[in-house]
PDB file of N, CA and C in Angstrom:
ATOM      1  N   MET A   1     135.252 155.478 135.136  1.00  0.00           N
ATOM      2  CA  MET A   1     135.587 154.387 133.606  1.00  0.00           C
ATOM      3  C   MET A   1     133.481 154.315 133.790  1.00  0.00           C
ATOM      4  N   SER A   2     133.175 154.975 132.594  1.00  0.00           N
ATOM      5  CA  SER A   2     131.650 155.043 132.069  1.00  0.00           C
ATOM      6  C   SER A   2     131.410 153.889 132.701  1.00  0.00           C
ATOM      7  N   SER A   3     129.667 153.195 133.278  1.00  0.00           N
ATOM      8  CA  SER A   3     128.888 152.275 133.437  1.00  0.00           C
ATOM      9  C   SER A   3     128.053 152.289 132.516  1.00  0.00           C
ATOM     10  N   THR A   4     127.009 151.085 131.740  1.00  0.00           N
ATOM     11  CA  THR A   4     126.098 151.104 130.947  1.00  0.00           C
ATOM     12  C   THR A   4     125.016 150.290 132.035  1.00  0.00           C
ATOM     13  N   ASP A   5     124.106 150.485 131.391  1.00  0.00           N
ATOM     14  CA  ASP A   5     122.526 149.678 132.262  1.00  0.00           C
ATOM     15  C   ASP A   5     121.413 149.268 130.395  1.00  0.00           C
ATOM     16  N   ASN A   6     121.550 148.078 130.780  1.00  0.00           N
ATOM     17  CA  ASN A   6     120.872 147.363 129.901  1.00  0.00           C
ATOM     18  C   ASN A   6     119.968 147.500 129.627  1.00  0.00           C
ATOM     19  N   LYS A   7     118.971 148.207 131.013  1.00  0.00           N
ATOM     20  CA  LYS A   7     117.896 148.191 130.618  1.00  0.00           C
ATOM     21  C   LYS A   7     117.212 149.209 129.419  1.00  0.00           C
ATOM     22  N   THR A   8     116.303 149.013 128.724  1.00  0.00           N
ATOM     23  CA  THR A   8     115.956 149.598 128.005  1.00  0.00           C
ATOM     24  C   THR A   8     114.536 151.141 128.118  1.00  0.00           C
ATOM     25  N   TYR A   9     115.058 151.815 127.849  1.00  0.00           N
ATOM     26  CA  TYR A   9     113.625 153.500 127.911  1.00  0.00           C
ATOM     27  C   TYR A   9     114.245 154.137 127.106  1.00  0.00           C
ATOM     28  N   LYS A  10     112.851 154.784 126.906  1.00  0.00           N
ATOM     29  CA  LYS A  10     111.804 155.320 126.305  1.00  0.00           C
ATOM     30  C   LYS A  10     111.892 156.590 126.857  1.00  0.00           C
ATOM     31  N   GLY A  11     111.960 157.726 125.948  1.00  0.00           N
ATOM     32  CA  GLY A  11     111.284 159.064 126.155  1.00  0.00           C
ATOM     33  C   GLY A  11     110.952 160.108 124.479  1.00  0.00           C
ATOM     34  N   GLN A  12     110.697 161.026 125.049  1.00  0.00           N
ATOM     35  CA  GLN A  12     110.189 161.964 124.013  1.00  0.00           C
ATOM     36  C   GLN A  12     111.837 163.446 123.387  1.00  0.00           C
ATOM     37  N   LEU A  13     112.126 163.257 122.071  1.00  0.00           N
ATOM     38  CA  LEU A  13     113.036 164.168 122.160  1.00  0.00           C
ATOM     39  C   LEU A  13     112.544 165.567 122.114  1.00  0.00           C
ATOM     40  N   LYS A  14     113.019 166.270 123.366  1.00  0.00           N
ATOM     41  CA  LYS A  14     113.355 167.699 123.629  1.00  0.00           C
ATOM     42  C   LYS A  14     113.207 168.738 122.534  1.00  0.00           C
ATOM     43  N   ARG A  15     114.570 168.423 122.807  1.00  0.00           N
ATOM     44  CA  ARG A  15     115.691 168.950 122.119  1.00  0.00           C
ATOM     45  C   ARG A  15     116.731 168.598 121.887  1.00  0.00           C
ATOM     46  N   TRP A  16     117.191 169.521 120.018  1.00  0.00           N
ATOM     47  CA  TRP A  16     117.438 168.758 119.087  1.00  0.00           C
ATOM     48  C   TRP A  16     118.794 170.404 118.295  1.00  0.00           C
ATOM     49  N   ASN A  17     119.564 170.401 118.264  1.00  0.00           N
ATOM     50  CA  ASN A  17     120.592 171.021 117.545  1.00  0.00           C
ATOM     51  C   ASN A  17     121.234 170.045 116.283  1.00  0.00           C
ATOM     52  N   ASP A  18     120.726 170.178 115.747  1.00  0.00           N
ATOM     53  CA  ASP A  18     121.203 169.524 114.184  1.00  0.00           C
ATOM     54  C   ASP A  18     122.545 170.097 113.962  1.00  0.00           C
ATOM     55  N   SER A  19     122.524 170.984 113.417  1.00  0.00           N
ATOM     56  CA  SER A  19     124.335 171.605 113.310  1.00  0.00           C
ATOM     57  C   SER A  19     124.965 170.742 113.900  1.00  0.00           C
ATOM     58  N   LYS A  20     125.433 171.046 115.368  1.00  0.00           N
ATOM     59  CA  LYS A  20     125.811 170.393 116.098  1.00  0.00           C
ATOM     60  C   LYS A  20     125.833 168.260 116.526  1.00  0.00           C
ATOM     61  N   GLY A  21     124.884 167.868 116.111  1.00  0.00           N
ATOM     62  CA  GLY A  21     124.079 166.559 116.482  1.00  0.00           C
ATOM     63  C   GLY A  21     124.455 166.487 117.619  1.00  0.00           C
ATOM     64  N   PHE A  22     123.174 167.014 118.247  1.00  0.00           N
ATOM     65  CA  PHE A  22     123.277 166.708 119.747  1.00  0.00           C
ATOM     66  C   PHE A  22     121.899 166.896 120.397  1.00  0.00           C
ATOM     67  N   GLY A  23     121.068 166.627 121.079  1.00  0.00           N
ATOM     68  CA  GLY A  23     120.237 167.442 121.834  1.00  0.00           C
ATOM     69  C   GLY A  23     119.441 165.862 122.999  1.00  0.00           C
ATOM     70  N   PHE A  24     118.796 166.223 123.428  1.00  0.00           N
ATOM     71  CA  PHE A  24     118.044 165.802 125.087  1.00  0.00           C
ATOM     72  C   PHE A  24     116.537 165.243 124.665  1.00  0.00           C
ATOM     73  N   ILE A  25     116.631 164.017 125.484  1.00  0.00           N
ATOM     74  CA  ILE A  25     115.379 163.424 125.659  1.00  0.00           C
ATOM     75  C   ILE A  25     114.747 163.552 127.026  1.00  0.00           C
ATOM     76  N   GLY A  26     113.265 163.575 126.573  1.00  0.00           N
ATOM     77  CA  GLY A  26     112.683 163.540 128.028  1.00  0.00           C
ATOM     78  C   GLY A  26     112.182 162.414 128.836  1.00  0.00           C
ATOM     79  N   ALA A  27     112.938 161.850 129.679  1.00  0.00           N
ATOM     80  CA  ALA A  27     113.072 160.313 130.345  1.00  0.00           C
ATOM     81  C   ALA A  27     111.545 159.952 130.425  1.00  0.00           C
ATOM     82  N   GLU A  28     111.224 159.070 130.395  1.00  0.00           N
ATOM     83  CA  GLU A  28     109.603 158.658 131.339  1.00  0.00           C
ATOM     84  C   GLU A  28     110.226 158.279 132.559  1.00  0.00           C
ATOM     85  N   ASP A  29     111.253 157.955 132.888  1.00  0.00           N
ATOM     86  CA  ASP A  29     112.264 157.673 133.806  1.00  0.00           C
ATOM     87  C   ASP A  29     112.717 158.063 135.085  1.00  0.00           C
ATOM     88  N   GLU A  30     113.456 159.412 134.344  1.00  0.00           N
ATOM     89  CA  GLU A  30     114.319 160.392 135.031  1.00  0.00           C
ATOM     90  C   GLU A  30     113.811 161.707 135.654  1.00  0.00           C
ATOM     91  N   ASP A  31     114.441 161.794 136.401  1.00  0.00           N
ATOM     92  CA  ASP A  31     114.115 163.223 136.782  1.00  0.00           C
ATOM     93  C   ASP A  31     114.503 164.532 135.780  1.00  0.00           C
ATOM     94  N   ARG A  32     115.904 164.059 135.241  1.00  0.00           N
ATOM     95  CA  ARG A  32     115.978 164.724 134.198  1.00  0.00           C
ATOM     96  C   ARG A  32     116.784 164.484 132.172  1.00  0.00           C
ATOM     97  N   ASP A  33     116.111 165.369 131.956  1.00  0.00           N
ATOM     98  CA  ASP A  33     116.825 165.486 130.394  1.00  0.00           C
ATOM     99  C   ASP A  33     118.155 164.469 129.939  1.00  0.00           C
ATOM    100  N   ILE A  34     118.201 163.689 129.080  1.00  0.00           N
ATOM    101  CA  ILE A  34     118.989 162.172 128.408  1.00  0.00           C
ATOM    102  C   ILE A  34     119.522 163.145 127.556  1.00  0.00           C
ATOM    103  N   PHE A  35     120.787 163.019 127.394  1.00  0.00           N
ATOM    104  CA  PHE A  35     121.625 163.909 126.053  1.00  0.00           C
ATOM    105  C   PHE A  35     122.057 162.740 125.458  1.00  0.00           C
ATOM    106  N   ILE A  36     121.290 162.776 124.170  1.00  0.00           N
ATOM    107  CA  ILE A  36     121.650 162.140 123.352  1.00  0.00           C
ATOM    108  C   ILE A  36     122.715 162.461 122.154  1.00  0.00           C
ATOM    109  N   HIS A  37     123.664 162.066 121.659  1.00  0.00           N
ATOM    110  CA  HIS A  37     124.190 162.390 120.195  1.00  0.00           C
ATOM    111  C   HIS A  37     124.303 161.356 118.419  1.00  0.00           C
ATOM    112  N   ILE A  38     124.164 162.117 117.997  1.00  0.00           N
ATOM    113  CA  ILE A  38     124.097 161.675 116.505  1.00  0.00           C
ATOM    114  C   ILE A  38     124.371 160.438 116.284  1.00  0.00           C
ATOM    115  N   SER A  39     125.733 159.973 116.806  1.00  0.00           N
ATOM    116  CA  SER A  39     126.312 158.980 116.428  1.00  0.00           C
ATOM    117  C   SER A  39     125.504 157.951 117.367  1.00  0.00           C
ATOM    118  N   GLU A  40     124.534 157.972 117.790  1.00  0.00           N
ATOM    119  CA  GLU A  40     123.666 156.960 118.379  1.00  0.00           C
ATOM    120  C   GLU A  40     122.917 156.731 117.611  1.00  0.00           C
ATOM    121  N   LEU A  41     122.616 157.270 116.947  1.00  0.00           N
ATOM    122  CA  LEU A  41     121.149 157.274 115.871  1.00  0.00           C
ATOM    123  C   LEU A  41     121.884 156.919 114.127  1.00  0.00           C
ATOM    124  N   LYS A  42     123.003 156.521 114.126  1.00  0.00           N
ATOM    125  CA  LYS A  42     123.638 156.732 113.089  1.00  0.00           C
ATOM    126  C   LYS A  42     123.061 155.491 112.164  1.00  0.00           C
ATOM    127  N   GLN A  43     122.342 154.388 112.465  1.00  0.00           N
ATOM    128  CA  GLN A  43     121.822 153.568 111.945  1.00  0.00           C
ATOM    129  C   GLN A  43     120.675 154.059 111.423  1.00  0.00           C
ATOM    130  N   MET A  44     120.111 155.110 111.356  1.00  0.00           N
ATOM    131  CA  MET A  44     118.403 155.699 111.433  1.00  0.00           C
ATOM    132  C   MET A  44     118.602 156.072 109.750  1.00  0.00           C
ATOM    133  N   THR A  45     117.452 155.993 108.892  1.00  0.00           N
ATOM    134  CA  THR A  45     116.895 156.660 107.564  1.00  0.00           C
ATOM    135  C   THR A  45     117.148 157.626 107.389  1.00  0.00           C
ATOM    136  N   ARG A  46     116.831 158.143 109.531  1.00  0.00           N
ATOM    137  CA  ARG A  46     116.853 159.446 108.502  1.00  0.00           C
ATOM    138  C   ARG A  46     117.205 160.696 110.154  1.00  0.00           C
ATOM    139  N   ARG A  47     117.513 161.661 110.262  1.00  0.00           N
ATOM    140  CA  ARG A  47     118.148 162.945 111.452  1.00  0.00           C
ATOM    141  C   ARG A  47     116.687 162.635 111.681  1.00  0.00           C
ATOM    142  N   PRO A  48     117.196 162.915 113.672  1.00  0.00           N
ATOM    143  CA  PRO A  48     115.667 163.619 114.642  1.00  0.00           C
ATOM    144  C   PRO A  48     115.365 163.836 114.116  1.00  0.00           C
ATOM    145  N   ASN A  49     113.788 164.275 114.911  1.00  0.00           N
ATOM    146  CA  ASN A  49     113.233 165.764 114.965  1.00  0.00           C
ATOM    147  C   ASN A  49     112.354 166.030 116.363  1.00  0.00           C
ATOM    148  N   ILE A  50     112.477 167.071 117.088  1.00  0.00           N
ATOM    149  CA  ILE A  50     111.909 166.876 118.353  1.00  0.00           C
ATOM    150  C   ILE A  50     110.391 166.571 117.920  1.00  0.00           C
ATOM    151  N   GLY A  51     110.347 165.876 119.180  1.00  0.00           N
ATOM    152  CA  GLY A  51     108.964 165.259 119.137  1.00  0.00           C
ATOM    153  C   GLY A  51     109.240 163.844 118.784  1.00  0.00           C
ATOM    154  N   ASP A  52     110.305 163.531 118.515  1.00  0.00           N
ATOM    155  CA  ASP A  52     110.234 161.941 117.984  1.00  0.00           C
ATOM    156  C   ASP A  52     110.162 161.020 119.482  1.00  0.00           C
ATOM    157  N   VAL A  53     110.073 159.651 119.239  1.00  0.00           N
ATOM    158  CA  VAL A  53     110.347 159.018 120.818  1.00  0.00           C
ATOM    159  C   VAL A  53     110.689 157.785 120.050  1.00  0.00           C
ATOM    160  N   ILE A  54     111.960 158.398 121.767  1.00  0.00           N
ATOM    161  CA  ILE A  54     113.781 157.523 121.500  1.00  0.00           C
ATOM    162  C   ILE A  54     113.364 156.411 122.622  1.00  0.00           C
ATOM    163  N   THR A  55     113.961 155.818 121.744  1.00  0.00           N
ATOM    164  CA  THR A  55     114.280 154.357 122.527  1.00  0.00           C
ATOM    165  C   THR A  55     115.818 153.956 122.593  1.00  0.00           C
ATOM    166  N   TYR A  56     116.075 154.075 123.921  1.00  0.00           N
ATOM    167  CA  TYR A  56     117.551 153.690 124.352  1.00  0.00           C
ATOM    168  C   TYR A  56     118.083 153.287 125.559  1.00  0.00           C
ATOM    169  N   GLN A  57     119.666 152.788 126.005  1.00  0.00           N
ATOM    170  CA  GLN A  57     119.770 152.513 127.113  1.00  0.00           C
ATOM    171  C   GLN A  57     120.943 153.463 127.415  1.00  0.00           C
ATOM    172  N   ILE A  58     120.831 153.285 128.696  1.00  0.00           N
ATOM    173  CA  ILE A  58     121.480 154.505 129.181  1.00  0.00           C
ATOM    174  C   ILE A  58     122.740 154.423 129.845  1.00  0.00           C
ATOM    175  N   GLN A  59     124.112 155.424 129.668  1.00  0.00           N
ATOM    176  CA  GLN A  59     125.207 155.474 130.377  1.00  0.00           C
ATOM    177  C   GLN A  59     125.717 156.074 130.916  1.00  0.00           C
ATOM    178  N   VAL A  60     126.131 155.822 132.163  1.00  0.00           N
ATOM    179  CA  VAL A  60     126.608 156.848 132.936  1.00  0.00           C
ATOM    180  C   VAL A  60     127.698 157.210 133.113  1.00  0.00           C
ATOM    181  N   GLN A  61     128.338 158.142 132.350  1.00  0.00           N
ATOM    182  CA  GLN A  61     129.815 158.820 131.995  1.00  0.00           C
ATOM    183  C   GLN A  61     130.205 159.050 133.452  1.00  0.00           C
ATOM    184  N   ASP A  62     131.760 159.045 133.563  1.00  0.00           N
ATOM    185  CA  ASP A  62     132.474 159.309 134.430  1.00  0.00           C
ATOM    186  C   ASP A  62     132.351 161.157 135.150  1.00  0.00           C
ATOM    187  N   ASP A  63     131.480 162.016 134.339  1.00  0.00           N
ATOM    188  CA  ASP A  63     131.411 163.322 135.892  1.00  0.00           C
ATOM    189  C   ASP A  63     130.082 162.655 136.060  1.00  0.00           C
ATOM    190  N   GLY A  64     129.112 161.211 136.217  1.00  0.00           N
ATOM    191  CA  GLY A  64     127.834 160.804 136.530  1.00  0.00           C
ATOM    192  C   GLY A  64     126.605 161.467 135.610  1.00  0.00           C
ATOM    193  N   LYS A  65     126.991 162.005 134.519  1.00  0.00           N
ATOM    194  CA  LYS A  65     125.800 162.357 133.619  1.00  0.00           C
ATOM    195  C   LYS A  65     125.264 161.328 132.854  1.00  0.00           C
ATOM    196  N   ASN A  66     124.090 160.973 132.689  1.00  0.00           N
ATOM    197  CA  ASN A  66     123.366 160.277 131.913  1.00  0.00           C
ATOM    198  C   ASN A  66     123.798 159.858 130.244  1.00  0.00           C
ATOM    199  N   ARG A  67     123.936 159.588 129.906  1.00  0.00           N
ATOM    200  CA  ARG A  67     124.103 160.299 128.460  1.00  0.00           C
ATOM    201  C   ARG A  67     123.295 158.446 127.579  1.00  0.00           C
ATOM    202  N   ALA A  68     122.484 158.695 126.629  1.00  0.00           N
ATOM    203  CA  ALA A  68     121.970 157.480 125.765  1.00  0.00           C
ATOM    204  C   ALA A  68     122.802 157.016 124.967  1.00  0.00           C
ATOM    205  N   TYR A  69     122.198 155.653 124.696  1.00  0.00           N
ATOM    206  CA  TYR A  69     123.577 155.091 123.447  1.00  0.00           C
ATOM    207  C   TYR A  69     122.271 154.160 123.361  1.00  0.00           C
ATOM    208  N   ASN A  70     122.749 152.962 122.096  1.00  0.00           N
ATOM    209  CA  ASN A  70     121.878 152.265 121.657  1.00  0.00           C
ATOM    210  C   ASN A  70     120.272 152.751 120.447  1.00  0.00           C
ATOM    211  N   ALA A  71     120.136 153.950 120.333  1.00  0.00           N
ATOM    212  CA  ALA A  71     118.922 154.320 120.338  1.00  0.00           C
ATOM    213  C   ALA A  71     118.538 154.177 118.832  1.00  0.00           C
ATOM    214  N   HIS A  72     117.329 154.641 118.822  1.00  0.00           N
ATOM    215  CA  HIS A  72     116.964 154.329 118.285  1.00  0.00           C
ATOM    216  C   HIS A  72     115.289 155.084 117.853  1.00  0.00           C
ATOM    217  N   ILE A  73     115.172 155.417 117.219  1.00  0.00           N
ATOM    218  CA  ILE A  73     113.725 156.524 116.680  1.00  0.00           C
ATOM    219  C   ILE A  73     112.488 155.406 116.253  1.00  0.00           C
ATOM    220  N   GLU A  74     111.582 155.301 117.307  1.00  0.00           N
ATOM    221  CA  GLU A  74     110.510 154.669 117.158  1.00  0.00           C
ATOM    222  C   GLU A  74     109.914 154.912 115.531  1.00  0.00           C
ATOM    223  N   GLY A  75     109.675 153.935 114.507  1.00  0.00           N
ATOM    224  CA  GLY A  75     108.789 153.869 113.802  1.00  0.00           C
ATOM    225  C   GLY A  75     109.810 154.797 112.530  1.00  0.00           C
ATOM    226  N   VAL A  76     111.205 154.383 112.824  1.00  0.00           N
ATOM    227  CA  VAL A  76     112.233 155.381 111.416  1.00  0.00           C
ATOM    228  C   VAL A  76     112.545 153.934 110.906  1.00  0.00           C
ATOM    229  N   GLU A  77     112.742 153.122 109.772  1.00  0.00           N
ATOM    230  CA  GLU A  77     113.593 152.782 109.187  1.00  0.00           C
ATOM    231  C   GLU A  77     114.844 152.701 109.995  1.00  0.00           C
ATOM    232  N   VAL A  78     115.748 151.253 109.517  1.00  0.00           N
ATOM    233  CA  VAL A  78     116.805 151.339 109.862  1.00  0.00           C
ATOM    234  C   VAL A  78     117.919 150.963 109.230  1.00  0.00           C
ATOM    235  N   PHE A  79     119.259 151.372 108.475  1.00  0.00           N
ATOM    236  CA  PHE A  79     119.531 150.857 107.171  1.00  0.00           C
ATOM    237  C   PHE A  79     119.897 149.610 106.901  1.00  0.00           C
ATOM    238  N   LYS A  80     120.186 149.200 106.581  1.00  0.00           N
ATOM    239  CA  LYS A  80     120.548 148.136 106.518  1.00  0.00           C
ATOM    240  C   LYS A  80     122.426 147.564 106.676  1.00  0.00           C
ATOM    241  N   SER A  81     122.594 146.607 107.018  1.00  0.00           N
ATOM    242  CA  SER A  81     123.627 146.115 107.334  1.00  0.00           C
ATOM    243  C   SER A  81     125.342 147.021 106.250  1.00  0.00           C
ATOM    244  N   LYS A  82     126.302 147.904 106.786  1.00  0.00           N
ATOM    245  CA  LYS A  82     127.023 147.576 105.785  1.00  0.00           C
ATOM    246  C   LYS A  82     127.467 146.752 105.141  1.00  0.00           C
ATOM    247  N   ARG A  83     127.578 145.607 105.886  1.00  0.00           N
ATOM    248  CA  ARG A  83     127.971 144.429 105.412  1.00  0.00           C
ATOM    249  C   ARG A  83     126.682 143.901 104.059  1.00  0.00           C
ATOM    250  N   ASN A  84     125.851 143.784 104.328  1.00  0.00           N
ATOM    251  CA  ASN A  84     124.820 144.153 102.807  1.00  0.00           C
ATOM    252  C   ASN A  84     125.035 145.005 101.931  1.00  0.00           C
ATOM    253  N   ASN A  85     125.173 146.347 102.013  1.00  0.00           N
ATOM    254  CA  ASN A  85     125.584 147.457 101.405  1.00  0.00           C
ATOM    255  C   ASN A  85     126.691 147.350 100.504  1.00  0.00           C
ATOM    256  N   ASN A  86     127.677 146.572 101.166  1.00  0.00           N
ATOM    257  CA  ASN A  86     129.118 146.403 100.352  1.00  0.00           C
ATOM    258  C   ASN A  86     128.671 145.468  99.253  1.00  0.00           C
ATOM    259  N   ILE A  87     127.993 144.065  99.564  1.00  0.00           N
ATOM    260  CA  ILE A  87     127.724 142.927  99.034  1.00  0.00           C
ATOM    261  C   ILE A  87     126.872 143.815  97.318  1.00  0.00           C
ATOM    262  N   SER A  88     125.571 144.580  97.788  1.00  0.00           N
ATOM    263  CA  SER A  88     125.180 145.758  96.924  1.00  0.00           C
ATOM    264  C   SER A  88     125.979 146.216  95.729  1.00  0.00           C
ATOM    265  N   LEU A  89     126.400 146.935  96.154  1.00  0.00           N
ATOM    266  CA  LEU A  89     128.421 147.897  95.843  1.00  0.00           C
ATOM    267  C   LEU A  89     128.938 146.907  95.151  1.00  0.00           C
ATOM    268  N   LYS A  90     129.233 146.144  95.496  1.00  0.00           N
ATOM    269  CA  LYS A  90     129.983 144.992  94.654  1.00  0.00           C
ATOM    270  C   LYS A  90     129.157 144.229  93.486  1.00  0.00           C
ATOM    271  N   ASN A  91     128.064 143.931  93.256  1.00  0.00           N
ATOM    272  CA  ASN A  91     126.807 143.206  92.545  1.00  0.00           C
ATOM    273  C   ASN A  91     126.758 145.116  91.450  1.00  0.00           C
ATOM    274  N   LYS A  92     126.464 145.634  91.630  1.00  0.00           N
ATOM    275  CA  LYS A  92     126.067 146.708  90.890  1.00  0.00           C
ATOM    276  C   LYS A  92     127.636 147.499  89.779  1.00  0.00           C
ATOM    277  N   TRP A  93     128.853 147.125  90.778  1.00  0.00           N
ATOM    278  CA  TRP A  93     130.087 147.189  89.974  1.00  0.00           C
ATOM    279  C   TRP A  93     130.174 145.658  88.439  1.00  0.00           C
ATOM    280  N   VAL A  94     130.022 144.697  89.413  1.00  0.00           N
ATOM    281  CA  VAL A  94     130.351 143.728  88.439  1.00  0.00           C
ATOM    282  C   VAL A  94     129.213 143.870  86.656  1.00  0.00           C
ATOM    283  N   VAL A  95     128.120 143.949  87.313  1.00  0.00           N
ATOM    284  CA  VAL A  95     127.372 144.296  86.151  1.00  0.00           C
ATOM    285  C   VAL A  95     127.532 145.566  85.259  1.00  0.00           C
ATOM    286  N   THR A  96     127.534 146.897  86.289  1.00  0.00           N
ATOM    287  CA  THR A  96     128.244 147.543  84.966  1.00  0.00           C
ATOM    288  C   THR A  96     129.104 147.049  84.407  1.00  0.00           C
ATOM    289  N   SER A  97     130.259 146.919  84.681  1.00  0.00           N
ATOM    290  CA  SER A  97     131.859 146.354  84.080  1.00  0.00           C
ATOM    291  C   SER A  97     130.658 145.262  82.837  1.00  0.00           C
ATOM    292  N   ILE A  98     129.853 144.373  83.559  1.00  0.00           N
ATOM    293  CA  ILE A  98     129.242 143.293  81.862  1.00  0.00           C
ATOM    294  C   ILE A  98     128.684 144.168  80.962  1.00  0.00           C
ATOM    295  N   ILE A  99     128.089 145.411  80.884  1.00  0.00           N
ATOM    296  CA  ILE A  99     127.069 146.212  80.372  1.00  0.00           C
ATOM    297  C   ILE A  99     127.935 146.958  79.010  1.00  0.00           C
ATOM    298  N   ILE A 100     129.119 146.887  80.310  1.00  0.00           N
ATOM    299  CA  ILE A 100     130.476 148.290  79.269  1.00  0.00           C
ATOM    300  C   ILE A 100     131.269 147.285  78.456  1.00  0.00           C
ATOM    301  N   ALA A 101     131.193 145.916  78.839  1.00  0.00           N
ATOM    302  CA  ALA A 101     132.188 145.003  78.352  1.00  0.00           C
ATOM    303  C   ALA A 101     131.298 144.289  76.889  1.00  0.00           C
ATOM    304  N   ILE A 102     130.386 144.524  76.795  1.00  0.00           N
ATOM    305  CA  ILE A 102     129.498 144.275  75.950  1.00  0.00           C
ATOM    306  C   ILE A 102     128.839 145.250  74.921  1.00  0.00           C
ATOM    307  N   ILE A 103     128.843 146.574  75.309  1.00  0.00           N
ATOM    308  CA  ILE A 103     128.853 147.636  74.379  1.00  0.00           C
ATOM    309  C   ILE A 103     129.800 147.757  73.799  1.00  0.00           C
ATOM    310  N   ALA A 104     131.494 147.123  74.400  1.00  0.00           N
ATOM    311  CA  ALA A 104     132.703 147.668  73.555  1.00  0.00           C
ATOM    312  C   ALA A 104     132.643 146.537  72.681  1.00  0.00           C
ATOM    313  N   VAL A 105     132.311 145.359  72.739  1.00  0.00           N
ATOM    314  CA  VAL A 105     132.309 144.313  72.130  1.00  0.00           C
ATOM    315  C   VAL A 105     131.626 144.367  70.629  1.00  0.00           C
ATOM    316  N   THR A 106     129.989 145.209  71.355  1.00  0.00           N
ATOM    317  CA  THR A 106     129.291 144.822  70.293  1.00  0.00           C
ATOM    318  C   THR A 106     130.061 146.908  69.501  1.00  0.00           C
ATOM    319  N   TYR A 107     130.111 147.197  69.869  1.00  0.00           N
ATOM    320  CA  TYR A 107     131.490 148.849  68.552  1.00  0.00           C
ATOM    321  C   TYR A 107     131.556 147.899  67.986  1.00  0.00           C
ATOM    322  N   PHE A 108     132.816 147.151  68.550  1.00  0.00           N
ATOM    323  CA  PHE A 108     134.050 146.365  67.287  1.00  0.00           C
ATOM    324  C   PHE A 108     133.465 145.957  66.381  1.00  0.00           C
ATOM    325  N   VAL A 109     132.375 144.974  66.567  1.00  0.00           N
ATOM    326  CA  VAL A 109     132.099 144.056  65.877  1.00  0.00           C
ATOM    327  C   VAL A 109     131.380 144.934  64.597  1.00  0.00           C
ATOM    328  N   ILE A 110     130.165 145.970  64.706  1.00  0.00           N
ATOM    329  CA  ILE A 110     130.505 146.872  64.366  1.00  0.00           C
ATOM    330  C   ILE A 110     130.975 147.426  63.282  1.00  0.00           C
ATOM    331  N   ALA A 111     131.950 147.992  63.621  1.00  0.00           N
ATOM    332  CA  ALA A 111     132.971 148.733  62.975  1.00  0.00           C
ATOM    333  C   ALA A 111     133.665 148.095  62.233  1.00  0.00           C
TER     334      ALA A 111
END
């Protein structure tokens, strides 16, 4: 069973394989590099680049290896929550429906 550490760490992204979606952070407080998967950065507005400063927490996996989780790239915006995005999408649908209805009514009144 894996265990998690609530302490926040910081390190620089040393290696990144964008096609496979993972890389390694050179941690300030660790002797070895920390594995990071793209799923831990899913809330970021861009993909990571080598040299980015990553803030993260550590999860110790069953095999004893450390993995970054709850990570973010310093200085990069975070996506708004999905709940807000769904509300925005709903509002866009309502506005689009109203515009289509106005166009349809106008067409039939003129015709």
